[in-house]
């Protein structure tokens, strides 16, 4: 529902170096046991430069998602973010217990925005990080590498691999094998006993072959994944010709996040999630051309 206006081609594991852990600030409002809050946002940080896009507003908007008096996100999944933007966010959020990992896709980024710093994707989590992984999903032919930063951290007291995803923006020719690699790594982690969360801009609509790699088989259209998508149960966005709301509990659908399309998702490993809901906030044209996606999930 809309609120009112308000991963196996190459895999490198890097031990996370954590010198000091600052306990996270408490939330202002009590949450049910096992409830987590997640935010996924493509902040268009390499491309959106000309007004009305505003760097300060972009950083402030993301930092606000971690505000303990507001949304108080447990994890943030960011796409199209310059490394200096990520570092500024980490400087701001580190004192509240957030740690993270940035993965570069373009080492130099857009000079007009990234100022010589790398451009890519990032994930920030509230709490200690015990390991990191950079997943190289590139199959060849992409205009830039497709890499996914992941961290291993507790989420609802369960060891969880959390990854910020940005798949290729094509007709699926490259995105489908990229998705296969991502799903294969996710299954390996699940087999090892970890929970998995994949958040980000998958660049394809819910009923495409690309997304079939993640949705549960019962969602139809060739789905063969192991995940619950956070916005699959809102009947307001069901296609009645495919998923009649009166007889359907979940559908490969969801609120739009990029113009008339849904491109942004949060997938949670099905064995580890009870319920999940999502809201796409109204578009903030000073920050991005994507809507920010907020997710609440219970274990």
C-alpha atoms as a PDB file:
ATOM      1  CA  UNK A   1       0.000   0.000   0.000  1.00  0.00           C
ATOM      2  CA  UNK A   2       1.100   3.559  -0.499  1.00  0.00           C
ATOM      3  CA  UNK A   3       1.489   5.690   2.550  1.00  0.00           C
ATOM      4  CA  UNK A   4       0.218   9.223   2.566  1.00  0.00           C
ATOM      5  CA  UNK A   5       2.701  11.818   1.254  1.00  0.00           C
ATOM      6  CA  UNK A   6       5.157  11.788   3.776  1.00  0.00           C
ATOM      7  CA  UNK A   7      23.816 -13.558  -6.485  1.00  0.00           C
ATOM      8  CA  UNK A   8      28.658 -18.015  -9.469  1.00  0.00           C
ATOM      9  CA  UNK A   9      31.215 -16.630 -11.684  1.00  0.00           C
ATOM     10  CA  UNK A  10      33.577 -15.002  -9.253  1.00  0.00           C
ATOM     11  CA  UNK A  11      33.141 -14.639  -5.561  1.00  0.00           C
ATOM     12  CA  UNK A  12      35.627 -12.992  -3.251  1.00  0.00           C
ATOM     13  CA  UNK A  13      35.192 -13.148   0.473  1.00  0.00           C
ATOM     14  CA  UNK A  14      36.816 -10.497   2.571  1.00  0.00           C
ATOM     15  CA  UNK A  15      36.938 -10.733   6.340  1.00  0.00           C
ATOM     16  CA  UNK A  16      35.393  -7.641   7.818  1.00  0.00           C
ATOM     17  CA  UNK A  17      37.715  -5.684  10.049  1.00  0.00           C
ATOM     18  CA  UNK A  18      35.737  -4.315  12.940  1.00  0.00           C
ATOM     19  CA  UNK A  19      37.729  -2.385  15.482  1.00  0.00           C
ATOM     20  CA  UNK A  20      34.964  -0.813  17.495  1.00  0.00           C
ATOM     21  CA  UNK A  21      31.328  -1.700  17.705  1.00  0.00           C
ATOM     22  CA  UNK A  22      29.049   1.000  19.005  1.00  0.00           C
ATOM     23  CA  UNK A  23      25.763  -0.427  20.250  1.00  0.00           C
ATOM     24  CA  UNK A  24      22.811   0.730  18.153  1.00  0.00           C
ATOM     25  CA  UNK A  25      20.602   3.412  19.521  1.00  0.00           C
ATOM     26  CA  UNK A  26      17.242   2.176  20.769  1.00  0.00           C
ATOM     27  CA  UNK A  27      14.164   2.780  18.689  1.00  0.00           C
ATOM     28  CA  UNK A  28      11.677   5.332  19.806  1.00  0.00           C
ATOM     29  CA  UNK A  29       8.763   2.954  19.432  1.00  0.00           C
ATOM     30  CA  UNK A  30       8.704  -0.661  20.560  1.00  0.00           C
ATOM     31  CA  UNK A  31       8.476  -3.229  17.771  1.00  0.00           C
ATOM     32  CA  UNK A  32       7.142  -6.760  17.918  1.00  0.00           C
ATOM     33  CA  UNK A  33       9.760  -9.417  18.569  1.00  0.00           C
ATOM     34  CA  UNK A  34      11.315 -10.569  15.321  1.00  0.00           C
ATOM     35  CA  UNK A  35      10.156  -7.499  13.370  1.00  0.00           C
ATOM     36  CA  UNK A  36      12.693  -5.820  11.090  1.00  0.00           C
ATOM     37  CA  UNK A  37      12.621  -2.700   8.960  1.00  0.00           C
ATOM     38  CA  UNK A  38      14.466  -2.472   5.661  1.00  0.00           C
ATOM     39  CA  UNK A  39      14.968   0.261   3.071  1.00  0.00           C
ATOM     40  CA  UNK A  40      15.983  -0.171  -0.564  1.00  0.00           C
ATOM     41  CA  UNK A  41      16.751   2.903  -2.639  1.00  0.00           C
ATOM     42  CA  UNK A  42      18.362   3.501  -6.020  1.00  0.00           C
ATOM     43  CA  UNK A  43      19.620   7.006  -5.346  1.00  0.00           C
ATOM     44  CA  UNK A  44      20.736   7.679  -8.910  1.00  0.00           C
ATOM     45  CA  UNK A  45      24.013   8.871  -7.448  1.00  0.00           C
ATOM     46  CA  UNK A  46      26.102   8.572 -10.611  1.00  0.00           C
ATOM     47  CA  UNK A  47      23.677  10.012 -13.117  1.00  0.00           C
ATOM     48  CA  UNK A  48      21.276  12.430 -11.528  1.00  0.00           C
ATOM     49  CA  UNK A  49      23.287  15.625 -11.341  1.00  0.00           C
ATOM     50  CA  UNK A  50      21.428  18.577 -12.772  1.00  0.00           C
ATOM     51  CA  UNK A  51      18.856  20.410 -10.689  1.00  0.00           C
ATOM     52  CA  UNK A  52      16.525  19.619  -9.068  1.00  0.00           C
ATOM     53  CA  UNK A  53      18.795  16.777  -7.868  1.00  0.00           C
ATOM     54  CA  UNK A  54      20.635  17.826  -4.746  1.00  0.00           C
ATOM     55  CA  UNK A  55      23.622  16.044  -3.151  1.00  0.00           C
ATOM     56  CA  UNK A  56      22.950  17.253   0.351  1.00  0.00           C
ATOM     57  CA  UNK A  57      19.306  16.279   0.128  1.00  0.00           C
ATOM     58  CA  UNK A  58      20.299  12.830  -1.207  1.00  0.00           C
ATOM     59  CA  UNK A  59      22.562  12.117   1.777  1.00  0.00           C
ATOM     60  CA  UNK A  60      20.068  13.529   4.248  1.00  0.00           C
ATOM     61  CA  UNK A  61      17.195  11.476   2.843  1.00  0.00           C
ATOM     62  CA  UNK A  62      19.100   8.208   3.167  1.00  0.00           C
ATOM     63  CA  UNK A  63      20.452   9.044   6.617  1.00  0.00           C
ATOM     64  CA  UNK A  64      16.934   9.853   7.773  1.00  0.00           C
ATOM     65  CA  UNK A  65      15.900   6.252   7.082  1.00  0.00           C
ATOM     66  CA  UNK A  66      18.171   5.210   9.970  1.00  0.00           C
ATOM     67  CA  UNK A  67      16.843   7.809  12.402  1.00  0.00           C
ATOM     68  CA  UNK A  68      15.848   5.966  15.610  1.00  0.00           C
ATOM     69  CA  UNK A  69      12.999   8.402  16.027  1.00  0.00           C
ATOM     70  CA  UNK A  70      11.686   7.685  12.537  1.00  0.00           C
ATOM     71  CA  UNK A  71      11.812   4.639  10.272  1.00  0.00           C
ATOM     72  CA  UNK A  72      14.883   3.241  12.101  1.00  0.00           C
ATOM     73  CA  UNK A  73      15.854   0.852   9.322  1.00  0.00           C
ATOM     74  CA  UNK A  74      17.789  -2.214  10.418  1.00  0.00           C
ATOM     75  CA  UNK A  75      19.366  -2.468   6.966  1.00  0.00           C
ATOM     76  CA  UNK A  76      19.777  -0.131   3.981  1.00  0.00           C
ATOM     77  CA  UNK A  77      20.249  -1.399   0.412  1.00  0.00           C
ATOM     78  CA  UNK A  78      21.570   1.343  -1.892  1.00  0.00           C
ATOM     79  CA  UNK A  79      22.194   1.289  -5.643  1.00  0.00           C
ATOM     80  CA  UNK A  80      23.928   3.790  -7.935  1.00  0.00           C
ATOM     81  CA  UNK A  81      25.892   5.303  -5.074  1.00  0.00           C
ATOM     82  CA  UNK A  82      29.309   6.937  -5.314  1.00  0.00           C
ATOM     83  CA  UNK A  83      31.894   5.785  -2.802  1.00  0.00           C
ATOM     84  CA  UNK A  84      32.231   9.221  -1.247  1.00  0.00           C
ATOM     85  CA  UNK A  85      28.472   9.344  -0.791  1.00  0.00           C
ATOM     86  CA  UNK A  86      28.621   5.956   0.926  1.00  0.00           C
ATOM     87  CA  UNK A  87      31.506   7.071   3.149  1.00  0.00           C
ATOM     88  CA  UNK A  88      29.638  10.209   4.153  1.00  0.00           C
ATOM     89  CA  UNK A  89      26.644   8.102   5.096  1.00  0.00           C
ATOM     90  CA  UNK A  90      28.813   5.688   7.064  1.00  0.00           C
ATOM     91  CA  UNK A  91      30.409   8.604   8.922  1.00  0.00           C
ATOM     92  CA  UNK A  92      26.976   9.845   9.867  1.00  0.00           C
ATOM     93  CA  UNK A  93      25.490   6.485  10.796  1.00  0.00           C
ATOM     94  CA  UNK A  94      28.529   4.748  12.314  1.00  0.00           C
ATOM     95  CA  UNK A  95      28.035   6.302  15.765  1.00  0.00           C
ATOM     96  CA  UNK A  96      24.573   4.714  15.823  1.00  0.00           C
ATOM     97  CA  UNK A  97      26.011   1.252  15.233  1.00  0.00           C
ATOM     98  CA  UNK A  98      25.796   0.951  11.450  1.00  0.00           C
ATOM     99  CA  UNK A  99      28.452  -0.864   9.424  1.00  0.00           C
ATOM    100  CA  UNK A 100      28.569  -1.443   5.671  1.00  0.00           C
ATOM    101  CA  UNK A 101      30.230  -2.467   2.436  1.00  0.00           C
ATOM    102  CA  UNK A 102      30.503  -0.672  -0.914  1.00  0.00           C
ATOM    103  CA  UNK A 103      31.181  -2.523  -4.181  1.00  0.00           C
ATOM    104  CA  UNK A 104      32.463  -0.604  -7.198  1.00  0.00           C
ATOM    105  CA  UNK A 105      31.162  -1.091 -10.717  1.00  0.00           C
ATOM    106  CA  UNK A 106      32.862   1.968 -12.234  1.00  0.00           C
ATOM    107  CA  UNK A 107      36.192   2.784 -10.495  1.00  0.00           C
ATOM    108  CA  UNK A 108      36.113   6.429 -11.543  1.00  0.00           C
ATOM    109  CA  UNK A 109      32.401   7.012 -11.583  1.00  0.00           C
ATOM    110  CA  UNK A 110      30.891  10.064 -13.200  1.00  0.00           C
ATOM    111  CA  UNK A 111      33.418  12.895 -12.698  1.00  0.00           C
ATOM    112  CA  UNK A 112      30.624  15.436 -12.406  1.00  0.00           C
ATOM    113  CA  UNK A 113      29.121  13.637  -9.432  1.00  0.00           C
ATOM    114  CA  UNK A 114      31.477  10.992  -8.045  1.00  0.00           C
ATOM    115  CA  UNK A 115      34.430  13.393  -8.077  1.00  0.00           C
ATOM    116  CA  UNK A 116      36.925  10.662  -8.975  1.00  0.00           C
ATOM    117  CA  UNK A 117      35.545   8.181  -6.476  1.00  0.00           C
ATOM    118  CA  UNK A 118      34.204   4.755  -7.426  1.00  0.00           C
ATOM    119  CA  UNK A 119      30.552   4.249  -8.250  1.00  0.00           C
ATOM    120  CA  UNK A 120      28.522   1.160  -7.435  1.00  0.00           C
ATOM    121  CA  UNK A 121      26.245  -0.286  -4.781  1.00  0.00           C
ATOM    122  CA  UNK A 122      26.270  -0.487  -1.012  1.00  0.00           C
ATOM    123  CA  UNK A 123      24.634  -2.169   1.939  1.00  0.00           C
ATOM    124  CA  UNK A 124      24.568  -0.784   5.472  1.00  0.00           C
ATOM    125  CA  UNK A 125      23.391  -2.758   8.498  1.00  0.00           C
ATOM    126  CA  UNK A 126      22.772  -1.897  12.111  1.00  0.00           C
ATOM    127  CA  UNK A 127      25.030  -4.150  14.184  1.00  0.00           C
ATOM    128  CA  UNK A 128      28.237  -6.161  13.863  1.00  0.00           C
ATOM    129  CA  UNK A 129      29.377  -7.477  10.476  1.00  0.00           C
ATOM    130  CA  UNK A 130      31.231 -10.802  10.625  1.00  0.00           C
ATOM    131  CA  UNK A 131      32.028 -11.247   6.910  1.00  0.00           C
ATOM    132  CA  UNK A 132      31.609  -9.577   3.537  1.00  0.00           C
ATOM    133  CA  UNK A 133      31.332 -10.878  -0.016  1.00  0.00           C
ATOM    134  CA  UNK A 134      31.467  -9.195  -3.386  1.00  0.00           C
ATOM    135  CA  UNK A 135      29.555 -11.201  -5.978  1.00  0.00           C
ATOM    136  CA  UNK A 136      30.616 -10.697  -9.581  1.00  0.00           C
ATOM    137  CA  UNK A 137      27.557 -11.493 -11.684  1.00  0.00           C
ATOM    138  CA  UNK A 138      28.991 -10.130 -14.954  1.00  0.00           C
ATOM    139  CA  UNK A 139      28.437 -12.537 -17.858  1.00  0.00           C
ATOM    140  CA  UNK A 140      29.991 -10.428 -20.643  1.00  0.00           C
ATOM    141  CA  UNK A 141      28.479  -7.781 -22.826  1.00  0.00           C
ATOM    142  CA  UNK A 142      27.410  -5.428 -20.053  1.00  0.00           C
ATOM    143  CA  UNK A 143      28.506  -1.819 -20.297  1.00  0.00           C
ATOM    144  CA  UNK A 144      29.736  -2.003 -16.721  1.00  0.00           C
ATOM    145  CA  UNK A 145      30.475  -4.874 -14.305  1.00  0.00           C
ATOM    146  CA  UNK A 146      27.550  -6.183 -12.324  1.00  0.00           C
ATOM    147  CA  UNK A 147      28.803  -6.599  -8.785  1.00  0.00           C
ATOM    148  CA  UNK A 148      26.808  -7.075  -5.609  1.00  0.00           C
ATOM    149  CA  UNK A 149      28.054  -6.182  -2.118  1.00  0.00           C
ATOM    150  CA  UNK A 150      26.896  -8.524   0.655  1.00  0.00           C
ATOM    151  CA  UNK A 151      27.442  -8.584   4.394  1.00  0.00           C
ATOM    152  CA  UNK A 152      26.923 -11.295   6.985  1.00  0.00           C
ATOM    153  CA  UNK A 153      25.262  -9.806  10.020  1.00  0.00           C
ATOM    154  CA  UNK A 154      22.524 -10.668  12.510  1.00  0.00           C
ATOM    155  CA  UNK A 155      18.979  -9.780  11.512  1.00  0.00           C
ATOM    156  CA  UNK A 156      16.228 -10.629  13.979  1.00  0.00           C
ATOM    157  CA  UNK A 157      18.883 -12.609  15.881  1.00  0.00           C
ATOM    158  CA  UNK A 158      19.599 -14.815  12.853  1.00  0.00           C
ATOM    159  CA  UNK A 159      22.867 -14.856  10.871  1.00  0.00           C
ATOM    160  CA  UNK A 160      21.861 -13.295   7.555  1.00  0.00           C
ATOM    161  CA  UNK A 161      23.587 -12.582   4.267  1.00  0.00           C
ATOM    162  CA  UNK A 162      22.199  -9.263   3.033  1.00  0.00           C
ATOM    163  CA  UNK A 163      22.997  -8.071  -0.506  1.00  0.00           C
ATOM    164  CA  UNK A 164      22.355  -4.883  -2.443  1.00  0.00           C
ATOM    165  CA  UNK A 165      21.409  -5.869  -5.997  1.00  0.00           C
ATOM    166  CA  UNK A 166      21.521  -3.960  -9.287  1.00  0.00           C
ATOM    167  CA  UNK A 167      20.971  -6.215 -12.317  1.00  0.00           C
ATOM    168  CA  UNK A 168      21.579  -5.182 -15.911  1.00  0.00           C
ATOM    169  CA  UNK A 169      19.085  -2.989 -17.664  1.00  0.00           C
ATOM    170  CA  UNK A 170      18.408  -5.033 -20.843  1.00  0.00           C
ATOM    171  CA  UNK A 171      15.722  -7.296 -22.273  1.00  0.00           C
ATOM    172  CA  UNK A 172      16.849 -10.089 -19.956  1.00  0.00           C
ATOM    173  CA  UNK A 173      19.488 -11.610 -22.261  1.00  0.00           C
ATOM    174  CA  UNK A 174      22.193 -10.711 -19.749  1.00  0.00           C
ATOM    175  CA  UNK A 175      20.065 -10.158 -16.678  1.00  0.00           C
ATOM    176  CA  UNK A 176      18.694 -13.720 -16.658  1.00  0.00           C
ATOM    177  CA  UNK A 177      22.120 -15.432 -16.339  1.00  0.00           C
ATOM    178  CA  UNK A 178      23.126 -12.746 -13.834  1.00  0.00           C
ATOM    179  CA  UNK A 179      20.035 -13.637 -11.827  1.00  0.00           C
ATOM    180  CA  UNK A 180      20.899 -17.334 -12.100  1.00  0.00           C
ATOM    181  CA  UNK A 181      24.300 -16.651 -10.517  1.00  0.00           C
ATOM    182  CA  UNK A 182      22.785 -14.593  -7.756  1.00  0.00           C
ATOM    183  CA  UNK A 183      20.124 -17.203  -7.003  1.00  0.00           C
ATOM    184  CA  UNK A 184      22.722 -19.999  -6.999  1.00  0.00           C
ATOM    185  CA  UNK A 185      24.820 -18.210  -4.383  1.00  0.00           C
ATOM    186  CA  UNK A 186      21.733 -17.497  -2.323  1.00  0.00           C
ATOM    187  CA  UNK A 187      20.806 -21.187  -2.380  1.00  0.00           C
ATOM    188  CA  UNK A 188      24.339 -22.114  -1.259  1.00  0.00           C
ATOM    189  CA  UNK A 189      24.017 -19.778   1.708  1.00  0.00           C
ATOM    190  CA  UNK A 190      20.593 -21.181   2.547  1.00  0.00           C
ATOM    191  CA  UNK A 191      21.998 -24.711   2.402  1.00  0.00           C
ATOM    192  CA  UNK A 192      24.655 -23.580   4.884  1.00  0.00           C
ATOM    193  CA  UNK A 193      21.949 -22.473   7.302  1.00  0.00           C
ATOM    194  CA  UNK A 194      21.969 -18.721   6.733  1.00  0.00           C
ATOM    195  CA  UNK A 195      19.021 -16.478   6.046  1.00  0.00           C
ATOM    196  CA  UNK A 196      19.295 -14.288   2.926  1.00  0.00           C
ATOM    197  CA  UNK A 197      17.882 -10.881   2.010  1.00  0.00           C
ATOM    198  CA  UNK A 198      18.257  -9.455  -1.495  1.00  0.00           C
ATOM    199  CA  UNK A 199      17.264  -5.830  -1.848  1.00  0.00           C
ATOM    200  CA  UNK A 200      17.640  -3.507  -4.767  1.00  0.00           C
ATOM    201  CA  UNK A 201      16.940  -2.468  -8.323  1.00  0.00           C
ATOM    202  CA  UNK A 202      16.472  -5.694 -10.323  1.00  0.00           C
ATOM    203  CA  UNK A 203      15.680  -3.628 -13.442  1.00  0.00           C
ATOM    204  CA  UNK A 204      12.884  -5.957 -14.579  1.00  0.00           C
ATOM    205  CA  UNK A 205       9.192  -6.319 -13.896  1.00  0.00           C
ATOM    206  CA  UNK A 206       7.744  -8.962 -11.562  1.00  0.00           C
ATOM    207  CA  UNK A 207       6.474 -11.415 -14.201  1.00  0.00           C
ATOM    208  CA  UNK A 208       9.695 -11.518 -16.285  1.00  0.00           C
ATOM    209  CA  UNK A 209      12.097 -14.481 -16.586  1.00  0.00           C
ATOM    210  CA  UNK A 210      14.680 -12.517 -14.618  1.00  0.00           C
ATOM    211  CA  UNK A 211      12.467 -12.396 -11.545  1.00  0.00           C
ATOM    212  CA  UNK A 212      11.368 -16.044 -11.910  1.00  0.00           C
ATOM    213  CA  UNK A 213      14.711 -16.941 -10.327  1.00  0.00           C
ATOM    214  CA  UNK A 214      13.557 -15.516  -7.004  1.00  0.00           C
ATOM    215  CA  UNK A 215       9.805 -15.918  -6.575  1.00  0.00           C
ATOM    216  CA  UNK A 216       8.464 -19.129  -5.037  1.00  0.00           C
ATOM    217  CA  UNK A 217       7.176 -21.760  -7.536  1.00  0.00           C
ATOM    218  CA  UNK A 218       3.603 -21.270  -6.358  1.00  0.00           C
ATOM    219  CA  UNK A 219       3.696 -17.717  -7.696  1.00  0.00           C
ATOM    220  CA  UNK A 220       3.484 -19.166 -11.227  1.00  0.00           C
ATOM    221  CA  UNK A 221       4.862 -18.075 -14.606  1.00  0.00           C
ATOM    222  CA  UNK A 222       7.830 -20.435 -14.293  1.00  0.00           C
ATOM    223  CA  UNK A 223       8.957 -19.164 -10.901  1.00  0.00           C
ATOM    224  CA  UNK A 224      11.481 -21.450  -9.218  1.00  0.00           C
ATOM    225  CA  UNK A 225      12.998 -19.383  -6.452  1.00  0.00           C
ATOM    226  CA  UNK A 226      13.185 -19.569  -2.683  1.00  0.00           C
ATOM    227  CA  UNK A 227      12.100 -16.098  -1.658  1.00  0.00           C
ATOM    228  CA  UNK A 228       9.113 -14.128  -0.502  1.00  0.00           C
ATOM    229  CA  UNK A 229       8.948 -10.689  -2.101  1.00  0.00           C
ATOM    230  CA  UNK A 230       7.934  -8.022   0.356  1.00  0.00           C
ATOM    231  CA  UNK A 231       5.196  -6.467  -1.788  1.00  0.00           C
ATOM    232  CA  UNK A 232       3.633  -9.618  -3.249  1.00  0.00           C
ATOM    233  CA  UNK A 233       0.636  -9.749  -0.914  1.00  0.00           C
ATOM    234  CA  UNK A 234      -0.970  -6.342  -1.407  1.00  0.00           C
ATOM    235  CA  UNK A 235      -4.188  -6.912  -3.421  1.00  0.00           C
ATOM    236  CA  UNK A 236      -4.315  -3.236  -4.361  1.00  0.00           C
ATOM    237  CA  UNK A 237      -1.613  -3.950  -6.939  1.00  0.00           C
ATOM    238  CA  UNK A 238      -2.737  -7.388  -8.186  1.00  0.00           C
ATOM    239  CA  UNK A 239      -3.517  -7.768 -11.881  1.00  0.00           C
ATOM    240  CA  UNK A 240      -7.085  -9.070 -11.567  1.00  0.00           C
ATOM    241  CA  UNK A 241      -6.779 -10.939 -14.863  1.00  0.00           C
ATOM    242  CA  UNK A 242      -3.930 -13.003 -13.414  1.00  0.00           C
ATOM    243  CA  UNK A 243      -4.441 -12.808  -9.663  1.00  0.00           C
ATOM    244  CA  UNK A 244      -8.082 -12.189  -8.684  1.00  0.00           C
ATOM    245  CA  UNK A 245      -7.821 -10.467  -5.290  1.00  0.00           C
ATOM    246  CA  UNK A 246     -10.748 -12.423  -3.879  1.00  0.00           C
ATOM    247  CA  UNK A 247      -9.036 -15.773  -4.379  1.00  0.00           C
ATOM    248  CA  UNK A 248      -5.301 -14.898  -4.423  1.00  0.00           C
ATOM    249  CA  UNK A 249      -3.120 -14.402  -1.356  1.00  0.00           C
ATOM    250  CA  UNK A 250       0.096 -13.439  -3.164  1.00  0.00           C
ATOM    251  CA  UNK A 251       0.949 -12.350  -6.675  1.00  0.00           C
ATOM    252  CA  UNK A 252       3.983 -11.422  -8.732  1.00  0.00           C
ATOM    253  CA  UNK A 253       3.082  -7.770  -8.579  1.00  0.00           C
ATOM    254  CA  UNK A 254       3.629  -4.749  -6.377  1.00  0.00           C
ATOM    255  CA  UNK A 255       3.681  -1.003  -6.280  1.00  0.00           C
ATOM    256  CA  UNK A 256       5.523   0.851  -9.031  1.00  0.00           C
ATOM    257  CA  UNK A 257       8.945   2.256  -8.139  1.00  0.00           C
ATOM    258  CA  UNK A 258      10.220   3.757 -11.414  1.00  0.00           C
ATOM    259  CA  UNK A 259       7.655   5.603 -13.447  1.00  0.00           C
ATOM    260  CA  UNK A 260       4.954   3.096 -14.371  1.00  0.00           C
ATOM    261  CA  UNK A 261       7.113   0.055 -13.536  1.00  0.00           C
ATOM    262  CA  UNK A 262       8.070  -1.944 -10.466  1.00  0.00           C
ATOM    263  CA  UNK A 263      11.849  -2.410 -10.677  1.00  0.00           C
ATOM    264  CA  UNK A 264      12.801  -2.337  -7.000  1.00  0.00           C
ATOM    265  CA  UNK A 265      12.343  -5.323  -4.678  1.00  0.00           C
ATOM    266  CA  UNK A 266      13.225  -6.810  -1.330  1.00  0.00           C
ATOM    267  CA  UNK A 267      13.341 -10.625  -1.377  1.00  0.00           C
ATOM    268  CA  UNK A 268      13.515 -12.514   1.927  1.00  0.00           C
ATOM    269  CA  UNK A 269      14.400 -16.226   2.178  1.00  0.00           C
ATOM    270  CA  UNK A 270      11.060 -17.999   2.574  1.00  0.00           C
ATOM    271  CA  UNK A 271      12.053 -20.318   5.475  1.00  0.00           C
ATOM    272  CA  UNK A 272      12.942 -17.279   7.582  1.00  0.00           C
ATOM    273  CA  UNK A 273      10.078 -14.864   7.035  1.00  0.00           C
ATOM    274  CA  UNK A 274       6.573 -14.921   8.437  1.00  0.00           C
ATOM    275  CA  UNK A 275       4.983 -11.826   6.984  1.00  0.00           C
ATOM    276  CA  UNK A 276       6.258  -8.963   4.864  1.00  0.00           C
ATOM    277  CA  UNK A 277       4.777  -5.724   3.612  1.00  0.00           C
ATOM    278  CA  UNK A 278       6.203  -2.902   1.508  1.00  0.00           C
ATOM    279  CA  UNK A 279       5.501   0.726   0.703  1.00  0.00           C
ATOM    280  CA  UNK A 280       6.932   2.818  -2.111  1.00  0.00           C
ATOM    281  CA  UNK A 281       7.166   6.364  -0.858  1.00  0.00           C
ATOM    282  CA  UNK A 282       6.231   9.289  -3.076  1.00  0.00           C
ATOM    283  CA  UNK A 283       8.967  10.183  -5.558  1.00  0.00           C
ATOM    284  CA  UNK A 284      11.477  12.719  -4.226  1.00  0.00           C
ATOM    285  CA  UNK A 285      12.792  14.374  -7.376  1.00  0.00           C
ATOM    286  CA  UNK A 286      15.575  16.116  -5.450  1.00  0.00           C
ATOM    287  CA  UNK A 287      17.104  12.704  -4.660  1.00  0.00           C
ATOM    288  CA  UNK A 288      16.381  10.164  -7.401  1.00  0.00           C
ATOM    289  CA  UNK A 289      14.229   9.025 -10.298  1.00  0.00           C
ATOM    290  CA  UNK A 290      13.262   5.935  -8.248  1.00  0.00           C
ATOM    291  CA  UNK A 291      10.867   5.690  -5.354  1.00  0.00           C
ATOM    292  CA  UNK A 292      12.289   4.712  -2.006  1.00  0.00           C
ATOM    293  CA  UNK A 293      11.026   1.279  -0.914  1.00  0.00           C
ATOM    294  CA  UNK A 294      10.354   0.531   2.744  1.00  0.00           C
ATOM    295  CA  UNK A 295       9.767  -3.009   4.041  1.00  0.00           C
ATOM    296  CA  UNK A 296       8.524  -4.417   7.317  1.00  0.00           C
ATOM    297  CA  UNK A 297       9.026  -8.148   7.886  1.00  0.00           C
ATOM    298  CA  UNK A 298       8.516 -10.624  10.702  1.00  0.00           C
ATOM    299  CA  UNK A 299      10.336 -13.881  11.295  1.00  0.00           C
END
